[in-house]
N, C-alpha and C. Protein backbone atom coordinates (compact mmCIF):
# COMPACT_ATOMS: atom_id res chain seq x y z
N MET A 1 91.36 133.13 107.25
CA MET A 1 91.09 133.16 105.83
C MET A 1 91.53 134.51 105.28
N PRO A 2 92.61 134.54 104.49
CA PRO A 2 93.33 135.78 104.22
C PRO A 2 92.87 136.56 103.01
N ASP A 3 91.80 136.18 102.33
CA ASP A 3 91.52 136.73 101.03
C ASP A 3 90.60 137.95 101.06
N ILE A 4 91.12 139.05 100.53
CA ILE A 4 90.31 140.24 100.22
C ILE A 4 90.46 140.42 98.72
N PHE A 5 89.39 140.28 97.97
CA PHE A 5 89.49 140.13 96.54
C PHE A 5 89.62 141.47 95.81
N ALA A 6 90.57 141.48 94.85
CA ALA A 6 90.64 142.60 93.91
C ALA A 6 89.51 142.48 92.91
N ASN A 7 89.08 141.24 92.66
CA ASN A 7 87.94 141.00 91.78
C ASN A 7 86.67 141.44 92.52
N THR A 8 86.08 142.53 92.07
CA THR A 8 84.95 143.11 92.80
C THR A 8 83.74 142.18 92.82
N GLU A 9 83.56 141.38 91.77
CA GLU A 9 82.43 140.47 91.72
C GLU A 9 82.56 139.38 92.79
N LEU A 10 83.77 138.83 92.95
CA LEU A 10 84.00 137.84 94.00
C LEU A 10 83.81 138.44 95.38
N GLU A 11 84.27 139.68 95.56
CA GLU A 11 84.12 140.33 96.85
C GLU A 11 82.65 140.56 97.16
N LYS A 12 81.86 140.95 96.15
CA LYS A 12 80.42 141.13 96.35
C LYS A 12 79.75 139.81 96.74
N GLN A 13 80.15 138.72 96.07
CA GLN A 13 79.60 137.41 96.39
C GLN A 13 79.93 137.01 97.83
N LYS A 14 81.16 137.30 98.22
CA LYS A 14 81.59 136.95 99.58
C LYS A 14 80.78 137.72 100.61
N GLN A 15 80.65 139.04 100.42
CA GLN A 15 79.91 139.86 101.36
C GLN A 15 78.43 139.47 101.39
N LYS A 16 77.90 139.11 100.23
CA LYS A 16 76.50 138.67 100.16
C LYS A 16 76.30 137.38 100.94
N GLU A 17 77.25 136.45 100.82
CA GLU A 17 77.16 135.19 101.55
C GLU A 17 77.26 135.41 103.05
N ILE A 18 78.13 136.32 103.48
CA ILE A 18 78.27 136.62 104.90
C ILE A 18 76.98 137.24 105.43
N SER A 19 76.41 138.18 104.69
CA SER A 19 75.16 138.82 105.11
C SER A 19 74.03 137.81 105.20
N ARG A 20 73.93 136.93 104.19
CA ARG A 20 72.89 135.89 104.20
C ARG A 20 73.04 135.00 105.42
N PHE A 21 74.26 134.63 105.72
CA PHE A 21 74.52 133.74 106.85
C PHE A 21 74.14 134.40 108.17
N LEU A 22 74.49 135.67 108.32
CA LEU A 22 74.23 136.37 109.58
C LEU A 22 72.75 136.60 109.82
N ARG A 23 71.96 136.55 108.76
CA ARG A 23 70.53 136.72 108.93
C ARG A 23 69.86 135.46 109.49
N ASN A 24 70.60 134.34 109.45
CA ASN A 24 70.06 133.08 109.97
C ASN A 24 70.29 132.98 111.48
N ALA A 25 69.67 133.87 112.24
CA ALA A 25 69.84 133.90 113.69
C ALA A 25 69.22 132.64 114.30
N PRO A 26 69.68 132.20 115.47
CA PRO A 26 70.76 132.82 116.24
C PRO A 26 72.14 132.42 115.73
N ILE A 27 73.11 133.28 116.05
CA ILE A 27 74.51 133.06 115.67
C ILE A 27 75.32 132.79 116.93
N LYS A 28 76.21 131.82 116.84
CA LYS A 28 77.10 131.50 117.95
C LYS A 28 78.54 131.61 117.48
N ALA A 29 79.40 132.18 118.30
CA ALA A 29 80.82 132.35 117.96
C ALA A 29 81.67 131.39 118.79
N TYR A 30 82.55 130.69 118.10
CA TYR A 30 83.53 129.83 118.76
C TYR A 30 84.90 130.49 118.63
N VAL A 31 85.44 130.99 119.72
CA VAL A 31 86.73 131.67 119.70
C VAL A 31 87.84 130.62 119.71
N THR A 32 88.79 130.76 118.78
CA THR A 32 89.92 129.84 118.74
C THR A 32 90.85 130.15 119.91
N GLY A 33 91.23 129.12 120.64
CA GLY A 33 92.00 129.33 121.86
C GLY A 33 93.49 129.39 121.69
N HIS A 34 94.00 129.14 120.46
CA HIS A 34 95.44 129.06 120.28
C HIS A 34 96.07 130.37 119.82
N ARG A 35 95.24 131.34 119.48
CA ARG A 35 95.79 132.60 118.99
C ARG A 35 95.41 133.74 119.94
N LYS A 36 96.37 134.62 120.17
CA LYS A 36 96.12 135.76 121.05
C LYS A 36 95.31 136.80 120.29
N PRO A 37 94.58 137.65 121.03
CA PRO A 37 93.86 138.74 120.36
C PRO A 37 94.83 139.69 119.68
N ASP A 38 94.35 140.41 118.66
CA ASP A 38 95.23 141.34 117.97
C ASP A 38 95.39 142.63 118.77
N ARG A 39 96.02 143.62 118.19
CA ARG A 39 96.31 144.87 118.92
C ARG A 39 95.05 145.59 119.36
N TYR A 40 93.92 145.30 118.71
CA TYR A 40 92.65 145.92 119.08
C TYR A 40 91.81 145.01 119.97
N ARG A 41 92.46 143.95 120.47
CA ARG A 41 91.84 142.98 121.38
C ARG A 41 90.70 142.20 120.71
N ARG A 42 90.81 142.05 119.39
CA ARG A 42 89.84 141.26 118.65
C ARG A 42 90.31 139.81 118.57
N HIS A 43 89.37 138.89 118.71
CA HIS A 43 89.66 137.47 118.65
C HIS A 43 89.17 136.88 117.33
N GLU A 44 89.92 135.93 116.81
CA GLU A 44 89.43 135.17 115.67
C GLU A 44 88.38 134.18 116.17
N ALA A 45 87.35 133.95 115.37
CA ALA A 45 86.28 133.07 115.81
C ALA A 45 85.62 132.38 114.63
N PHE A 46 85.06 131.21 114.88
CA PHE A 46 84.20 130.53 113.92
C PHE A 46 82.76 130.92 114.24
N LEU A 47 82.01 131.27 113.20
CA LEU A 47 80.62 131.65 113.39
C LEU A 47 79.71 130.52 112.95
N ALA A 48 78.75 130.19 113.80
CA ALA A 48 77.82 129.09 113.52
C ALA A 48 76.39 129.60 113.58
N SER A 49 75.56 129.15 112.66
CA SER A 49 74.13 129.39 112.71
C SER A 49 73.43 128.04 112.81
N PHE A 50 72.15 128.06 113.13
CA PHE A 50 71.43 126.81 113.36
C PHE A 50 70.16 126.78 112.51
N LYS A 51 70.00 125.70 111.76
CA LYS A 51 68.83 125.53 110.91
C LYS A 51 68.39 124.08 110.98
N ASP A 52 67.11 123.86 111.33
CA ASP A 52 66.58 122.51 111.47
C ASP A 52 67.43 121.68 112.43
N ASN A 53 67.83 122.33 113.53
CA ASN A 53 68.65 121.69 114.57
C ASN A 53 70.02 121.24 114.06
N LYS A 54 70.45 121.84 112.95
CA LYS A 54 71.75 121.52 112.39
C LYS A 54 72.65 122.74 112.45
N GLU A 55 73.87 122.54 112.91
CA GLU A 55 74.83 123.64 113.02
C GLU A 55 75.56 123.84 111.70
N LEU A 56 75.58 125.09 111.22
CA LEU A 56 76.25 125.42 109.97
C LEU A 56 77.31 126.47 110.25
N LEU A 57 78.52 126.24 109.74
CA LEU A 57 79.62 127.18 109.97
C LEU A 57 79.78 128.11 108.77
N LEU A 58 79.98 129.39 109.06
CA LEU A 58 80.23 130.37 108.00
C LEU A 58 81.48 130.00 107.22
N GLN A 59 82.54 129.60 107.92
CA GLN A 59 83.79 129.27 107.24
C GLN A 59 83.61 128.11 106.26
N ASP A 60 82.81 127.11 106.65
CA ASP A 60 82.54 125.99 105.75
C ASP A 60 81.88 126.49 104.47
N SER A 61 80.91 127.37 104.62
CA SER A 61 80.16 127.87 103.48
C SER A 61 81.05 128.68 102.54
N LEU A 62 81.88 129.57 103.09
CA LEU A 62 82.75 130.40 102.26
C LEU A 62 83.76 129.56 101.50
N VAL A 63 84.37 128.59 102.18
CA VAL A 63 85.38 127.74 101.53
C VAL A 63 84.73 126.88 100.45
N ALA A 64 83.56 126.32 100.75
CA ALA A 64 82.87 125.44 99.81
C ALA A 64 82.50 126.16 98.52
N LYS A 65 82.21 127.45 98.62
CA LYS A 65 81.81 128.22 97.44
C LYS A 65 82.98 128.91 96.76
N GLY A 66 84.19 128.61 97.23
CA GLY A 66 85.36 129.23 96.63
C GLY A 66 85.47 130.71 96.91
N LEU A 67 84.97 131.14 98.05
CA LEU A 67 85.02 132.55 98.43
C LEU A 67 86.04 132.82 99.52
N ALA A 68 86.82 131.79 99.87
CA ALA A 68 87.91 131.94 100.83
C ALA A 68 88.82 130.72 100.71
N ARG A 69 90.11 130.92 100.99
CA ARG A 69 91.04 129.81 101.13
C ARG A 69 91.28 129.56 102.61
N VAL A 70 91.83 128.42 102.93
CA VAL A 70 92.02 128.03 104.33
C VAL A 70 93.37 128.51 104.84
N LEU A 71 93.34 129.25 105.93
CA LEU A 71 94.54 129.64 106.66
C LEU A 71 94.62 128.74 107.88
N THR A 72 95.60 127.84 107.92
CA THR A 72 95.62 126.80 108.95
C THR A 72 96.25 127.24 110.26
N ASP A 73 96.88 128.42 110.29
CA ASP A 73 97.58 128.86 111.50
C ASP A 73 96.67 128.82 112.72
N GLY A 74 97.12 128.12 113.75
CA GLY A 74 96.41 128.12 115.02
C GLY A 74 95.21 127.21 115.09
N LEU A 75 94.91 126.47 114.02
CA LEU A 75 93.76 125.58 114.03
C LEU A 75 94.14 124.21 114.60
N GLU A 76 93.21 123.59 115.29
CA GLU A 76 93.40 122.20 115.69
C GLU A 76 93.52 121.34 114.44
N ASP A 77 94.25 120.24 114.54
CA ASP A 77 94.50 119.39 113.37
C ASP A 77 93.20 118.92 112.72
N ASP A 78 92.25 118.47 113.52
CA ASP A 78 90.98 117.96 112.97
C ASP A 78 90.22 119.06 112.23
N CYS A 79 90.25 120.26 112.79
CA CYS A 79 89.55 121.39 112.18
C CYS A 79 90.22 121.76 110.86
N ALA A 80 91.55 121.80 110.86
CA ALA A 80 92.28 122.13 109.63
C ALA A 80 92.01 121.09 108.55
N ASP A 81 92.04 119.81 108.92
CA ASP A 81 91.79 118.74 107.95
C ASP A 81 90.38 118.84 107.38
N HIS A 82 89.41 119.19 108.23
CA HIS A 82 88.02 119.34 107.78
C HIS A 82 87.90 120.44 106.74
N LEU A 83 88.47 121.61 107.02
CA LEU A 83 88.38 122.73 106.11
C LEU A 83 89.16 122.47 104.82
N LEU A 84 90.32 121.83 104.94
CA LEU A 84 91.12 121.53 103.76
C LEU A 84 90.41 120.55 102.83
N SER A 85 89.65 119.64 103.41
CA SER A 85 88.88 118.70 102.60
C SER A 85 87.81 119.44 101.80
N ILE A 86 87.13 120.40 102.44
CA ILE A 86 86.13 121.21 101.75
C ILE A 86 86.79 122.04 100.65
N GLU A 87 87.95 122.61 100.97
CA GLU A 87 88.68 123.42 100.00
C GLU A 87 89.08 122.60 98.78
N GLU A 88 89.53 121.38 99.00
CA GLU A 88 89.94 120.52 97.89
C GLU A 88 88.78 120.28 96.92
N THR A 89 87.58 120.07 97.46
CA THR A 89 86.40 119.87 96.62
C THR A 89 86.10 121.12 95.80
N ALA A 90 86.18 122.29 96.44
CA ALA A 90 85.94 123.55 95.74
C ALA A 90 87.00 123.79 94.66
N HIS A 91 88.23 123.44 94.98
CA HIS A 91 89.35 123.60 94.04
C HIS A 91 89.12 122.75 92.80
N LYS A 92 88.76 121.50 92.99
CA LYS A 92 88.53 120.59 91.86
C LYS A 92 87.36 121.06 91.00
N ALA A 93 86.38 121.68 91.63
CA ALA A 93 85.21 122.18 90.90
C ALA A 93 85.46 123.55 90.28
N GLN A 94 86.64 124.13 90.54
CA GLN A 94 86.98 125.46 90.04
C GLN A 94 85.93 126.48 90.46
N ALA A 95 85.50 126.40 91.72
CA ALA A 95 84.50 127.32 92.25
C ALA A 95 85.14 128.64 92.66
N GLY A 96 84.43 129.72 92.39
CA GLY A 96 84.84 131.03 92.90
C GLY A 96 86.26 131.43 92.53
N LEU A 97 87.07 131.69 93.55
CA LEU A 97 88.43 132.21 93.37
C LEU A 97 89.35 131.26 92.61
N TRP A 98 89.01 129.97 92.59
CA TRP A 98 89.91 129.00 91.95
C TRP A 98 89.96 129.18 90.44
N LYS A 99 89.07 129.98 89.88
CA LYS A 99 89.13 130.30 88.45
C LYS A 99 90.12 131.43 88.18
N GLU A 100 90.49 132.17 89.23
CA GLU A 100 91.33 133.34 89.10
C GLU A 100 92.81 132.96 89.14
N ALA A 101 93.59 133.48 88.20
CA ALA A 101 95.02 133.15 88.12
C ALA A 101 95.76 133.52 89.40
N ALA A 102 95.35 134.60 90.06
CA ALA A 102 96.06 135.07 91.25
C ALA A 102 95.98 134.08 92.40
N TYR A 103 94.95 133.23 92.41
CA TYR A 103 94.74 132.33 93.54
C TYR A 103 95.04 130.86 93.21
N ARG A 104 95.38 130.58 91.97
CA ARG A 104 95.69 129.20 91.60
C ARG A 104 96.97 128.72 92.27
N VAL A 105 97.11 127.40 92.34
CA VAL A 105 98.33 126.81 92.89
C VAL A 105 99.50 127.19 92.00
N LYS A 106 100.57 127.72 92.61
CA LYS A 106 101.76 128.12 91.87
C LYS A 106 102.77 126.97 91.83
N LYS A 107 103.50 126.86 90.74
CA LYS A 107 104.53 125.84 90.61
C LYS A 107 105.85 126.36 91.17
N ALA A 108 106.51 125.55 91.99
CA ALA A 108 107.73 125.97 92.67
C ALA A 108 108.84 126.35 91.72
N ASP A 109 108.87 125.73 90.52
CA ASP A 109 109.94 126.02 89.57
C ASP A 109 109.58 127.13 88.61
N ASP A 110 108.49 127.83 88.86
CA ASP A 110 108.06 128.90 87.96
C ASP A 110 107.46 130.05 88.77
N LEU A 111 108.23 130.52 89.75
CA LEU A 111 107.75 131.58 90.64
C LEU A 111 108.40 132.91 90.27
N HIS A 112 107.62 133.97 90.33
CA HIS A 112 108.13 135.32 90.13
C HIS A 112 108.03 136.04 91.47
N LEU A 113 109.15 136.12 92.16
CA LEU A 113 109.17 136.61 93.54
C LEU A 113 108.49 137.96 93.69
N SER A 114 108.76 138.89 92.77
CA SER A 114 108.22 140.24 92.92
C SER A 114 106.69 140.25 92.90
N ALA A 115 106.09 139.20 92.30
CA ALA A 115 104.64 139.15 92.18
C ALA A 115 103.97 138.48 93.37
N ILE A 116 104.74 137.71 94.16
CA ILE A 116 104.11 136.92 95.23
C ILE A 116 104.62 137.22 96.63
N VAL A 117 105.72 137.99 96.76
CA VAL A 117 106.24 138.26 98.10
C VAL A 117 105.19 138.98 98.94
N SER A 118 105.07 138.60 100.20
CA SER A 118 104.11 139.15 101.16
C SER A 118 102.67 138.80 100.81
N THR A 119 102.47 137.76 99.99
CA THR A 119 101.12 137.28 99.71
C THR A 119 100.99 135.85 100.19
N TYR A 120 99.73 135.42 100.41
CA TYR A 120 99.45 134.06 100.85
C TYR A 120 99.27 133.20 99.61
N GLN A 121 100.07 132.13 99.51
CA GLN A 121 100.06 131.30 98.31
C GLN A 121 100.02 129.82 98.66
N ILE A 122 99.54 129.04 97.69
CA ILE A 122 99.66 127.59 97.74
C ILE A 122 100.61 127.21 96.61
N ILE A 123 101.68 126.50 96.95
CA ILE A 123 102.75 126.21 96.00
C ILE A 123 102.98 124.71 95.92
N SER A 124 103.18 124.21 94.71
CA SER A 124 103.44 122.79 94.50
C SER A 124 104.77 122.59 93.79
N GLY A 125 105.38 121.45 94.02
CA GLY A 125 106.64 121.14 93.36
C GLY A 125 107.24 119.85 93.87
N ILE A 126 108.36 119.46 93.27
CA ILE A 126 109.10 118.27 93.69
C ILE A 126 110.25 118.70 94.59
N ALA A 127 110.28 118.19 95.82
CA ALA A 127 111.35 118.54 96.76
C ALA A 127 112.66 117.93 96.30
N SER A 128 113.68 118.76 96.06
CA SER A 128 114.96 118.25 95.56
C SER A 128 115.89 117.80 96.68
N SER A 129 115.77 118.42 97.86
CA SER A 129 116.64 118.03 98.97
C SER A 129 116.07 118.53 100.29
N VAL A 130 116.54 117.91 101.38
CA VAL A 130 116.17 118.31 102.74
C VAL A 130 117.46 118.56 103.51
N HIS A 131 117.53 119.69 104.19
CA HIS A 131 118.75 120.06 104.92
C HIS A 131 118.40 120.41 106.36
N ARG A 132 119.10 119.77 107.30
CA ARG A 132 118.89 120.05 108.72
C ARG A 132 120.13 120.74 109.28
N LYS A 133 119.91 121.83 110.02
CA LYS A 133 121.02 122.56 110.63
C LYS A 133 121.16 122.19 112.10
N ILE A 134 122.31 122.43 112.64
CA ILE A 134 122.60 122.09 114.04
C ILE A 134 121.68 122.84 114.99
N ASP A 135 121.29 124.07 114.64
CA ASP A 135 120.45 124.88 115.53
C ASP A 135 119.00 124.43 115.56
N GLY A 136 118.67 123.36 114.79
CA GLY A 136 117.30 122.84 114.80
C GLY A 136 116.46 123.29 113.64
N THR A 137 116.94 124.28 112.86
CA THR A 137 116.21 124.73 111.69
C THR A 137 116.38 123.73 110.55
N SER A 138 115.31 123.45 109.82
CA SER A 138 115.37 122.54 108.69
C SER A 138 114.81 123.22 107.45
N TYR A 139 115.30 122.77 106.29
CA TYR A 139 114.87 123.36 105.03
C TYR A 139 114.50 122.27 104.04
N VAL A 140 113.41 122.51 103.32
CA VAL A 140 113.04 121.67 102.18
C VAL A 140 113.28 122.53 100.94
N ASN A 141 114.18 122.07 100.08
CA ASN A 141 114.61 122.86 98.92
C ASN A 141 113.98 122.34 97.64
N PHE A 142 113.74 123.27 96.71
CA PHE A 142 113.12 122.93 95.44
C PHE A 142 114.03 123.29 94.27
N GLY A 143 115.31 123.32 94.51
CA GLY A 143 116.29 123.61 93.47
C GLY A 143 117.68 123.56 94.05
N ASP A 144 118.69 123.66 93.18
CA ASP A 144 120.08 123.56 93.62
C ASP A 144 120.61 124.87 94.19
N ASN A 145 120.03 125.99 93.80
CA ASN A 145 120.50 127.29 94.26
C ASN A 145 119.62 127.76 95.42
N TRP A 146 120.09 127.59 96.65
CA TRP A 146 119.29 127.91 97.84
C TRP A 146 119.00 129.40 97.95
N TYR A 147 119.75 130.24 97.23
CA TYR A 147 119.58 131.68 97.34
C TYR A 147 118.58 132.23 96.32
N GLU A 148 118.13 131.38 95.40
CA GLU A 148 117.19 131.84 94.39
C GLU A 148 115.95 130.97 94.30
N ASP A 149 116.11 129.67 94.50
CA ASP A 149 115.00 128.75 94.33
C ASP A 149 114.07 128.76 95.54
N PHE A 150 112.87 128.25 95.35
CA PHE A 150 111.87 128.21 96.42
C PHE A 150 112.32 127.27 97.54
N THR A 151 112.02 127.68 98.79
CA THR A 151 112.43 126.92 99.97
C THR A 151 111.32 126.96 101.02
N ILE A 152 111.20 125.88 101.77
CA ILE A 152 110.35 125.83 102.96
C ILE A 152 111.26 125.73 104.17
N SER A 153 111.02 126.54 105.20
CA SER A 153 111.81 126.44 106.43
C SER A 153 110.93 126.00 107.59
N LEU A 154 111.52 125.24 108.50
CA LEU A 154 110.83 124.77 109.70
C LEU A 154 111.75 124.97 110.89
N ASN A 155 111.22 125.61 111.94
CA ASN A 155 112.01 125.67 113.17
C ASN A 155 111.83 124.36 113.93
N LYS A 156 112.50 124.23 115.05
CA LYS A 156 112.48 122.96 115.78
C LYS A 156 111.07 122.55 116.18
N LYS A 157 110.26 123.52 116.62
CA LYS A 157 108.90 123.21 117.07
C LYS A 157 108.02 122.76 115.92
N SER A 158 108.06 123.49 114.79
CA SER A 158 107.21 123.11 113.66
C SER A 158 107.66 121.80 113.04
N LEU A 159 108.97 121.51 113.08
CA LEU A 159 109.47 120.22 112.60
C LEU A 159 108.92 119.07 113.44
N GLN A 160 108.97 119.24 114.75
CA GLN A 160 108.44 118.19 115.64
C GLN A 160 106.96 117.99 115.40
N SER A 161 106.23 119.08 115.19
CA SER A 161 104.79 118.99 114.94
C SER A 161 104.51 118.24 113.64
N TRP A 162 105.29 118.55 112.59
CA TRP A 162 105.06 117.90 111.30
C TRP A 162 105.42 116.42 111.37
N GLU A 163 106.55 116.10 111.98
CA GLU A 163 106.98 114.70 112.03
C GLU A 163 106.10 113.87 112.97
N ALA A 164 105.43 114.51 113.91
CA ALA A 164 104.51 113.79 114.79
C ALA A 164 103.29 113.29 114.02
N ARG A 165 102.92 114.03 112.96
CA ARG A 165 101.75 113.64 112.16
C ARG A 165 102.13 112.84 110.92
N ASN A 166 103.37 112.94 110.52
CA ASN A 166 103.80 112.34 109.27
C ASN A 166 105.01 111.44 109.52
N LYS A 167 105.90 111.33 108.55
CA LYS A 167 107.12 110.55 108.72
C LYS A 167 108.29 111.50 108.86
N PHE A 168 109.49 111.01 108.62
CA PHE A 168 110.66 111.87 108.73
C PHE A 168 110.67 112.89 107.59
N LEU A 169 111.09 114.09 107.90
CA LEU A 169 111.15 115.15 106.90
C LEU A 169 112.02 114.73 105.72
N ASP A 170 113.09 113.97 105.99
CA ASP A 170 114.01 113.54 104.93
C ASP A 170 113.31 112.72 103.86
N ASP A 171 112.20 112.08 104.21
CA ASP A 171 111.47 111.26 103.25
C ASP A 171 110.79 112.09 102.16
N LEU A 172 110.78 113.41 102.33
CA LEU A 172 110.14 114.27 101.34
C LEU A 172 110.97 114.43 100.06
N GLN A 173 112.25 114.09 100.13
CA GLN A 173 113.10 114.27 98.96
C GLN A 173 112.53 113.51 97.77
N ASN A 174 112.45 114.21 96.63
CA ASN A 174 111.93 113.67 95.36
C ASN A 174 110.43 113.38 95.41
N LYS A 175 109.74 113.92 96.40
CA LYS A 175 108.30 113.73 96.52
C LYS A 175 107.57 115.00 96.03
N PRO A 176 106.35 114.83 95.49
CA PRO A 176 105.53 115.99 95.11
C PRO A 176 104.89 116.60 96.35
N ILE A 177 105.07 117.89 96.53
CA ILE A 177 104.69 118.58 97.76
C ILE A 177 103.71 119.70 97.48
N TYR A 178 102.79 119.91 98.41
CA TYR A 178 101.98 121.12 98.45
C TYR A 178 102.28 121.84 99.76
N VAL A 179 102.50 123.15 99.68
CA VAL A 179 102.71 123.95 100.89
C VAL A 179 101.93 125.25 100.74
N ARG A 180 101.40 125.74 101.84
CA ARG A 180 100.65 127.00 101.83
C ARG A 180 101.20 127.91 102.92
N GLY A 181 101.17 129.20 102.65
CA GLY A 181 101.62 130.16 103.66
C GLY A 181 101.99 131.49 103.04
N TRP A 182 102.51 132.39 103.88
CA TRP A 182 102.91 133.72 103.43
C TRP A 182 104.32 133.65 102.86
N VAL A 183 104.50 134.18 101.67
CA VAL A 183 105.78 134.12 100.98
C VAL A 183 106.67 135.27 101.43
N GLU A 184 107.89 134.91 101.85
CA GLU A 184 108.89 135.89 102.26
C GLU A 184 110.00 135.96 101.23
N ASP A 185 110.73 137.07 101.24
CA ASP A 185 111.89 137.24 100.38
C ASP A 185 113.14 136.96 101.22
N ARG A 186 113.73 135.80 101.01
CA ARG A 186 114.97 135.42 101.70
C ARG A 186 116.08 135.18 100.65
N GLY A 187 116.22 136.14 99.74
CA GLY A 187 117.09 135.94 98.60
C GLY A 187 116.29 135.31 97.48
N GLY A 188 115.57 134.26 97.80
CA GLY A 188 114.57 133.65 96.93
C GLY A 188 113.28 133.53 97.71
N PRO A 189 112.21 133.05 97.09
CA PRO A 189 110.92 132.90 97.79
C PRO A 189 110.98 131.80 98.84
N LEU A 190 110.42 132.07 100.01
CA LEU A 190 110.44 131.12 101.12
C LEU A 190 109.14 131.18 101.89
N ILE A 191 108.64 130.03 102.31
CA ILE A 191 107.51 129.95 103.23
C ILE A 191 108.00 129.30 104.52
N GLU A 192 107.77 129.98 105.64
CA GLU A 192 108.14 129.44 106.95
C GLU A 192 106.96 128.69 107.54
N LEU A 193 107.15 127.43 107.82
CA LEU A 193 106.07 126.59 108.32
C LEU A 193 105.75 126.92 109.77
N GLN A 194 104.46 127.15 110.06
CA GLN A 194 104.01 127.42 111.41
C GLN A 194 103.31 126.21 112.03
N ASP A 195 102.67 125.39 111.19
CA ASP A 195 101.99 124.20 111.70
C ASP A 195 101.99 123.12 110.65
N ALA A 196 101.72 121.89 111.07
CA ALA A 196 101.87 120.72 110.21
C ALA A 196 100.92 120.72 109.02
N SER A 197 99.75 121.32 109.16
CA SER A 197 98.74 121.26 108.10
C SER A 197 99.15 122.06 106.86
N GLN A 198 100.16 122.90 106.98
CA GLN A 198 100.58 123.71 105.83
C GLN A 198 101.30 122.88 104.76
N LEU A 199 101.88 121.75 105.15
CA LEU A 199 102.74 120.98 104.25
C LEU A 199 102.19 119.58 104.07
N THR A 200 101.85 119.23 102.83
CA THR A 200 101.30 117.90 102.55
C THR A 200 101.99 117.31 101.33
N VAL A 201 102.00 115.98 101.28
CA VAL A 201 102.51 115.26 100.12
C VAL A 201 101.33 114.99 99.20
N ALA A 202 101.50 115.26 97.90
CA ALA A 202 100.42 115.04 96.95
C ALA A 202 100.12 113.54 96.85
N GLY A 203 98.85 113.22 96.57
CA GLY A 203 98.44 111.84 96.44
C GLY A 203 99.17 111.15 95.29
N LYS A 204 99.31 109.84 95.37
CA LYS A 204 100.06 109.09 94.37
C LYS A 204 99.48 109.25 92.98
N ASN A 205 98.15 109.43 92.90
CA ASN A 205 97.51 109.53 91.59
C ASN A 205 97.30 110.97 91.15
N GLU A 206 97.89 111.91 91.89
CA GLU A 206 97.66 113.31 91.62
C GLU A 206 98.83 113.89 90.85
N SER A 207 98.57 114.60 89.79
CA SER A 207 99.62 115.17 88.95
C SER A 207 99.79 116.65 89.26
N LEU A 208 101.00 117.02 89.67
CA LEU A 208 101.25 118.42 89.95
C LEU A 208 101.26 119.24 88.66
N ASN A 209 101.50 118.58 87.53
CA ASN A 209 101.49 119.31 86.26
C ASN A 209 100.10 119.86 85.96
N GLY A 210 99.08 119.27 86.59
CA GLY A 210 97.72 119.75 86.35
C GLY A 210 97.23 120.69 87.43
N ALA A 211 98.10 121.06 88.36
CA ALA A 211 97.70 121.94 89.46
C ALA A 211 97.28 123.29 88.91
N ARG A 212 96.18 123.81 89.45
CA ARG A 212 95.67 125.10 88.99
C ARG A 212 95.31 125.95 90.19
């Protein structure tokens, strides 16, 4: 969960929620097995507390209250889907960070690269084309100019992961897409897909024009 808020009130709410949660002893940590420890040998973990014989996750609470967005990297598919479902509810309710312009869903055809490069974003748009290269790299394009318009890239492994859960990547053409991840500057804005949960097709009854 990548959010450290410039909005001091949101940051206070987040820290208050974490403190409240940690006071509900005992606390149990579930270390994610797919990610290596960082340079300081710290592991990412889910924190759980127990109340009335019911297990409560800190991450669930933060996402539900709009005090964190979901970073799907390294999560099991079921876990990612669970958290994304909670996030969707918070998003629709405009809870917490979802009221802030900086964290709203960005439109692929209205991106300002200098404002979003090296930040974690959720971006929506209509995929204009899909391009597969001989080396196994694939691209989902959101405009005719590949050097300026928004693009999603997938290496061979992430492509196989996405197509194992979904259909062929080529079927995304002219479809409304949601993608989340860290924005890179590759001439234009680009998100490199690390796992399948980052890229979803919007529901048939969902309007991207209303994305916030």
